[in-house]
Amino acid sequence: MNPIEALLQEIEKAINAELYYLALLLTLTLPDVCTALEQPNGRTDGGKLYKLWYKANIFDLIGGLSPEEAFELRCTVVHQSSAQASGARSYGRIIFTMKGPFRVDSMVLNGAMTFDLAMFCERWIGAVRIWIEKSKTNPIVQGHLPNLLQVRPQGLSPYIVGTPIIA
């Protein structure tokens, strides 16, 4: 299985298990992972490439947050466990609704940009699956895939063999 697809399935499992914060954290890092795979050196940068990749692969397909807002959200959620918005926006916070009696998605509500978390993650997952298909003929991406952190059921020779690891 493509290791990126394995990440997407982990997000789906987290949503199904109601591990919403975990699903959100991994979803917001997907552009970093994909961007790094596209680079000859296998690494991303401090945000410029994230924003470009997001614009080309997520925003133009599904809209929602601007590339700048998406990167800011990724930084504040992943590094600060916060979803407060900065700058001159029409909202001061980003809120994710979870399983409940109603779903609020992609709208400003009471001064907060509000998304249904499962729908938010599913849209990003769909965009990444399209990118996976497009990247099947990209030799740089394909060359980096074997080195991506992934579950290795039989270990990784010559380091540890015969037992499952993540490496």
C-alpha atoms as a PDB file:
ATOM      1  CA  MET A   1       0.000   0.000   0.000  1.00  0.00           C
ATOM      2  CA  ASN A   2       1.150   3.535  -0.731  1.00  0.00           C
ATOM      3  CA  PRO A   3       2.369   4.961   2.604  1.00  0.00           C
ATOM      4  CA  ILE A   4       0.383   8.167   2.024  1.00  0.00           C
ATOM      5  CA  GLU A   5      -2.786   6.102   1.612  1.00  0.00           C
ATOM      6  CA  ALA A   6      -1.924   4.411   4.908  1.00  0.00           C
ATOM      7  CA  LEU A   7      -1.822   7.868   6.570  1.00  0.00           C
ATOM      8  CA  LEU A   8      -5.206   8.730   5.069  1.00  0.00           C
ATOM      9  CA  GLN A   9      -6.666   5.503   6.403  1.00  0.00           C
ATOM     10  CA  GLU A  10      -5.244   6.317   9.854  1.00  0.00           C
ATOM     11  CA  ILE A  11      -7.137   9.628   9.768  1.00  0.00           C
ATOM     12  CA  GLU A  12     -10.340   7.833   8.772  1.00  0.00           C
ATOM     13  CA  LYS A  13      -9.862   5.326  11.602  1.00  0.00           C
ATOM     14  CA  ALA A  14      -9.288   8.159  14.067  1.00  0.00           C
ATOM     15  CA  ILE A  15     -12.528   9.850  12.977  1.00  0.00           C
ATOM     16  CA  ASN A  16     -14.451   6.576  13.278  1.00  0.00           C
ATOM     17  CA  ALA A  17     -12.976   6.040  16.753  1.00  0.00           C
ATOM     18  CA  GLU A  18     -13.938   9.640  17.661  1.00  0.00           C
ATOM     19  CA  LEU A  19     -10.281  10.591  18.109  1.00  0.00           C
ATOM     20  CA  TYR A  20     -10.988  13.934  16.496  1.00  0.00           C
ATOM     21  CA  TYR A  21      -7.971  15.873  17.718  1.00  0.00           C
ATOM     22  CA  LEU A  22      -5.656  13.170  16.412  1.00  0.00           C
ATOM     23  CA  ALA A  23      -7.448  13.209  13.044  1.00  0.00           C
ATOM     24  CA  LEU A  24      -7.161  16.993  12.818  1.00  0.00           C
ATOM     25  CA  LEU A  25      -3.445  17.021  13.695  1.00  0.00           C
ATOM     26  CA  LEU A  26      -2.565  14.490  11.023  1.00  0.00           C
ATOM     27  CA  THR A  27      -4.851  16.107   8.427  1.00  0.00           C
ATOM     28  CA  LEU A  28      -3.217  19.505   8.857  1.00  0.00           C
ATOM     29  CA  THR A  29       0.245  18.001   8.260  1.00  0.00           C
ATOM     30  CA  LEU A  30      -0.670  16.279   4.970  1.00  0.00           C
ATOM     31  CA  PRO A  31       0.491  19.202   2.782  1.00  0.00           C
ATOM     32  CA  ASP A  32       3.882  19.127   4.535  1.00  0.00           C
ATOM     33  CA  VAL A  33       4.265  15.400   3.861  1.00  0.00           C
ATOM     34  CA  CYS A  34       3.238  15.690   0.212  1.00  0.00           C
ATOM     35  CA  THR A  35       5.355  18.800  -0.370  1.00  0.00           C
ATOM     36  CA  ALA A  36       8.437  17.094   1.063  1.00  0.00           C
ATOM     37  CA  LEU A  37       7.887  14.107  -1.215  1.00  0.00           C
ATOM     38  CA  GLU A  38       7.926  16.420  -4.245  1.00  0.00           C
ATOM     39  CA  GLN A  39      11.272  18.035  -3.365  1.00  0.00           C
ATOM     40  CA  PRO A  40      14.568  16.601  -4.640  1.00  0.00           C
ATOM     41  CA  ASN A  41      16.022  16.770  -1.118  1.00  0.00           C
ATOM     42  CA  GLY A  42      12.881  15.226   0.428  1.00  0.00           C
ATOM     43  CA  ARG A  43      12.274  18.177   2.739  1.00  0.00           C
ATOM     44  CA  THR A  44       9.812  21.038   2.957  1.00  0.00           C
ATOM     45  CA  ASP A  45      10.448  24.618   4.040  1.00  0.00           C
ATOM     46  CA  GLY A  46       9.015  27.008   6.607  1.00  0.00           C
ATOM     47  CA  GLY A  47       5.619  27.415   4.983  1.00  0.00           C
ATOM     48  CA  LYS A  48       6.016  28.749   1.441  1.00  0.00           C
ATOM     49  CA  LEU A  49       5.843  25.280  -0.131  1.00  0.00           C
ATOM     50  CA  TYR A  50       2.963  24.260   2.179  1.00  0.00           C
ATOM     51  CA  LYS A  51       0.904  27.239   0.981  1.00  0.00           C
ATOM     52  CA  LEU A  52       1.702  26.599  -2.684  1.00  0.00           C
ATOM     53  CA  TRP A  53       0.844  22.897  -2.392  1.00  0.00           C
ATOM     54  CA  TYR A  54      -2.370  23.648  -0.481  1.00  0.00           C
ATOM     55  CA  LYS A  55      -3.423  26.226  -3.106  1.00  0.00           C
ATOM     56  CA  ALA A  56      -2.789  23.833  -5.979  1.00  0.00           C
ATOM     57  CA  ASN A  57      -4.228  20.678  -4.419  1.00  0.00           C
ATOM     58  CA  ILE A  58      -6.785  21.587  -1.758  1.00  0.00           C
ATOM     59  CA  PHE A  59      -7.971  25.195  -1.986  1.00  0.00           C
ATOM     60  CA  ASP A  60      -8.604  25.200  -5.730  1.00  0.00           C
ATOM     61  CA  LEU A  61     -10.530  21.943  -5.360  1.00  0.00           C
ATOM     62  CA  ILE A  62     -12.566  22.515  -2.196  1.00  0.00           C
ATOM     63  CA  GLY A  63     -12.068  26.114  -1.074  1.00  0.00           C
ATOM     64  CA  GLY A  64     -12.411  26.872   2.616  1.00  0.00           C
ATOM     65  CA  LEU A  65      -9.415  28.455   4.251  1.00  0.00           C
ATOM     66  CA  SER A  66      -6.963  30.511   2.231  1.00  0.00           C
ATOM     67  CA  PRO A  67      -3.437  29.067   1.957  1.00  0.00           C
ATOM     68  CA  GLU A  68      -2.246  31.551   4.587  1.00  0.00           C
ATOM     69  CA  GLU A  69      -5.112  30.650   6.949  1.00  0.00           C
ATOM     70  CA  ALA A  70      -4.529  26.925   6.453  1.00  0.00           C
ATOM     71  CA  PHE A  71      -0.822  27.245   7.257  1.00  0.00           C
ATOM     72  CA  GLU A  72      -1.554  29.419  10.293  1.00  0.00           C
ATOM     73  CA  LEU A  73      -4.075  26.827  11.509  1.00  0.00           C
ATOM     74  CA  ARG A  74      -1.552  24.033  10.984  1.00  0.00           C
ATOM     75  CA  CYS A  75       1.064  25.937  12.998  1.00  0.00           C
ATOM     76  CA  THR A  76      -1.204  26.946  15.855  1.00  0.00           C
ATOM     77  CA  VAL A  77      -2.939  23.562  16.193  1.00  0.00           C
ATOM     78  CA  VAL A  78       0.163  21.396  15.823  1.00  0.00           C
ATOM     79  CA  HIS A  79       2.613  23.527  17.801  1.00  0.00           C
ATOM     80  CA  GLN A  80       0.448  25.447  20.260  1.00  0.00           C
ATOM     81  CA  SER A  81      -2.750  23.392  20.549  1.00  0.00           C
ATOM     82  CA  SER A  82      -4.688  26.543  19.703  1.00  0.00           C
ATOM     83  CA  ALA A  83      -7.104  27.595  16.979  1.00  0.00           C
ATOM     84  CA  GLN A  84      -7.190  31.322  17.539  1.00  0.00           C
ATOM     85  CA  ALA A  85      -6.932  33.347  14.350  1.00  0.00           C
ATOM     86  CA  SER A  86      -4.628  36.320  14.037  1.00  0.00           C
ATOM     87  CA  GLY A  87      -4.653  39.253  11.676  1.00  0.00           C
ATOM     88  CA  ALA A  88      -7.570  41.103  10.118  1.00  0.00           C
ATOM     89  CA  ARG A  89     -10.081  38.308   9.606  1.00  0.00           C
ATOM     90  CA  SER A  90     -13.850  38.290   9.881  1.00  0.00           C
ATOM     91  CA  TYR A  91     -13.461  35.756  12.703  1.00  0.00           C
ATOM     92  CA  GLY A  92     -11.297  35.408  15.793  1.00  0.00           C
ATOM     93  CA  ARG A  93     -11.288  31.654  16.264  1.00  0.00           C
ATOM     94  CA  ILE A  94     -11.668  28.452  14.289  1.00  0.00           C
ATOM     95  CA  ILE A  95     -14.050  25.882  15.744  1.00  0.00           C
ATOM     96  CA  PHE A  96     -14.582  22.273  14.697  1.00  0.00           C
ATOM     97  CA  THR A  97     -17.902  20.657  15.444  1.00  0.00           C
ATOM     98  CA  MET A  98     -17.948  16.961  16.127  1.00  0.00           C
ATOM     99  CA  LYS A  99     -20.578  14.290  16.337  1.00  0.00           C
ATOM    100  CA  GLY A 100     -23.775  15.975  17.478  1.00  0.00           C
ATOM    101  CA  PRO A 101     -27.356  16.805  16.625  1.00  0.00           C
ATOM    102  CA  PHE A 102     -26.378  19.075  13.718  1.00  0.00           C
ATOM    103  CA  ARG A 103     -23.405  19.766  11.467  1.00  0.00           C
ATOM    104  CA  VAL A 104     -22.081  23.267  10.929  1.00  0.00           C
ATOM    105  CA  ASP A 105     -19.548  23.514   8.153  1.00  0.00           C
ATOM    106  CA  SER A 106     -17.573  26.208   6.349  1.00  0.00           C
ATOM    107  CA  MET A 107     -19.281  29.236   7.807  1.00  0.00           C
ATOM    108  CA  VAL A 108     -18.635  32.056  10.232  1.00  0.00           C
ATOM    109  CA  LEU A 109     -20.885  31.576  13.238  1.00  0.00           C
ATOM    110  CA  ASN A 110     -20.835  33.980  16.200  1.00  0.00           C
ATOM    111  CA  GLY A 111     -17.419  35.300  15.213  1.00  0.00           C
ATOM    112  CA  ALA A 112     -15.836  31.880  14.667  1.00  0.00           C
ATOM    113  CA  MET A 113     -15.023  30.121  11.405  1.00  0.00           C
ATOM    114  CA  THR A 114     -16.748  26.796  11.946  1.00  0.00           C
ATOM    115  CA  PHE A 115     -16.100  23.460  10.250  1.00  0.00           C
ATOM    116  CA  ASP A 116     -17.529  20.007  10.770  1.00  0.00           C
ATOM    117  CA  LEU A 117     -14.344  18.154  11.675  1.00  0.00           C
ATOM    118  CA  ALA A 118     -15.141  14.897   9.869  1.00  0.00           C
ATOM    119  CA  MET A 119     -16.195  16.717   6.700  1.00  0.00           C
ATOM    120  CA  PHE A 120     -13.111  18.963   6.888  1.00  0.00           C
ATOM    121  CA  CYS A 121     -10.768  15.976   7.144  1.00  0.00           C
ATOM    122  CA  GLU A 122     -12.639  14.013   4.464  1.00  0.00           C
ATOM    123  CA  ARG A 123     -12.285  16.872   1.966  1.00  0.00           C
ATOM    124  CA  TRP A 124      -8.535  17.083   2.561  1.00  0.00           C
ATOM    125  CA  ILE A 125      -8.241  13.285   2.313  1.00  0.00           C
ATOM    126  CA  GLY A 126     -10.063  13.344  -1.032  1.00  0.00           C
ATOM    127  CA  ALA A 127      -7.739  16.050  -2.349  1.00  0.00           C
ATOM    128  CA  VAL A 128      -4.661  14.072  -1.279  1.00  0.00           C
ATOM    129  CA  ARG A 129      -6.001  10.928  -2.954  1.00  0.00           C
ATOM    130  CA  ILE A 130      -6.273  12.875  -6.210  1.00  0.00           C
ATOM    131  CA  TRP A 131      -2.677  14.064  -5.687  1.00  0.00           C
ATOM    132  CA  ILE A 132      -1.555  10.439  -5.113  1.00  0.00           C
ATOM    133  CA  GLU A 133      -2.949   9.478  -8.515  1.00  0.00           C
ATOM    134  CA  LYS A 134      -1.264  12.439 -10.212  1.00  0.00           C
ATOM    135  CA  SER A 135       2.039  11.615  -8.485  1.00  0.00           C
ATOM    136  CA  LYS A 136       2.271   8.007  -9.660  1.00  0.00           C
ATOM    137  CA  THR A 137       4.441   9.103 -12.588  1.00  0.00           C
ATOM    138  CA  ASN A 138       6.553  11.601 -10.633  1.00  0.00           C
ATOM    139  CA  PRO A 139       9.972   9.942 -10.158  1.00  0.00           C
ATOM    140  CA  ILE A 140      10.923  12.262  -7.290  1.00  0.00           C
ATOM    141  CA  VAL A 141       7.781  11.398  -5.287  1.00  0.00           C
ATOM    142  CA  GLN A 142       8.101   7.709  -6.075  1.00  0.00           C
ATOM    143  CA  GLY A 143      11.766   7.738  -5.076  1.00  0.00           C
ATOM    144  CA  HIS A 144      10.971   9.208  -1.644  1.00  0.00           C
ATOM    145  CA  LEU A 145       7.960   6.989  -0.799  1.00  0.00           C
ATOM    146  CA  PRO A 146      10.007   4.019   0.499  1.00  0.00           C
ATOM    147  CA  ASN A 147      11.669   6.303   3.066  1.00  0.00           C
ATOM    148  CA  LEU A 148       8.388   7.673   4.410  1.00  0.00           C
ATOM    149  CA  LEU A 149       7.623   6.833   8.023  1.00  0.00           C
ATOM    150  CA  GLN A 150       5.286   3.852   7.884  1.00  0.00           C
ATOM    151  CA  VAL A 151       4.221   0.648   9.583  1.00  0.00           C
ATOM    152  CA  ARG A 152       6.576  -2.142   8.639  1.00  0.00           C
ATOM    153  CA  PRO A 153       4.995  -5.439   9.778  1.00  0.00           C
ATOM    154  CA  GLN A 154       8.235  -7.428   9.455  1.00  0.00           C
ATOM    155  CA  GLY A 155      10.621  -4.751  10.677  1.00  0.00           C
ATOM    156  CA  LEU A 156      13.290  -2.980   8.648  1.00  0.00           C
ATOM    157  CA  SER A 157      16.494  -4.806   7.798  1.00  0.00           C
ATOM    158  CA  PRO A 158      19.243  -4.506   8.916  1.00  0.00           C
ATOM    159  CA  TYR A 159      17.933  -2.662  11.994  1.00  0.00           C
ATOM    160  CA  ILE A 160      15.100  -4.715  13.469  1.00  0.00           C
ATOM    161  CA  VAL A 161      13.516  -7.705  11.743  1.00  0.00           C
ATOM    162  CA  GLY A 162      10.762 -10.129  12.632  1.00  0.00           C
ATOM    163  CA  THR A 163       8.584  -7.710  14.593  1.00  0.00           C
ATOM    164  CA  PRO A 164       6.296  -4.852  13.595  1.00  0.00           C
ATOM    165  CA  ILE A 165       7.771  -1.360  13.798  1.00  0.00           C
ATOM    166  CA  ILE A 166       7.143   2.146  12.546  1.00  0.00           C
ATOM    167  CA  ALA A 167      10.186   3.389  10.662  1.00  0.00           C
END
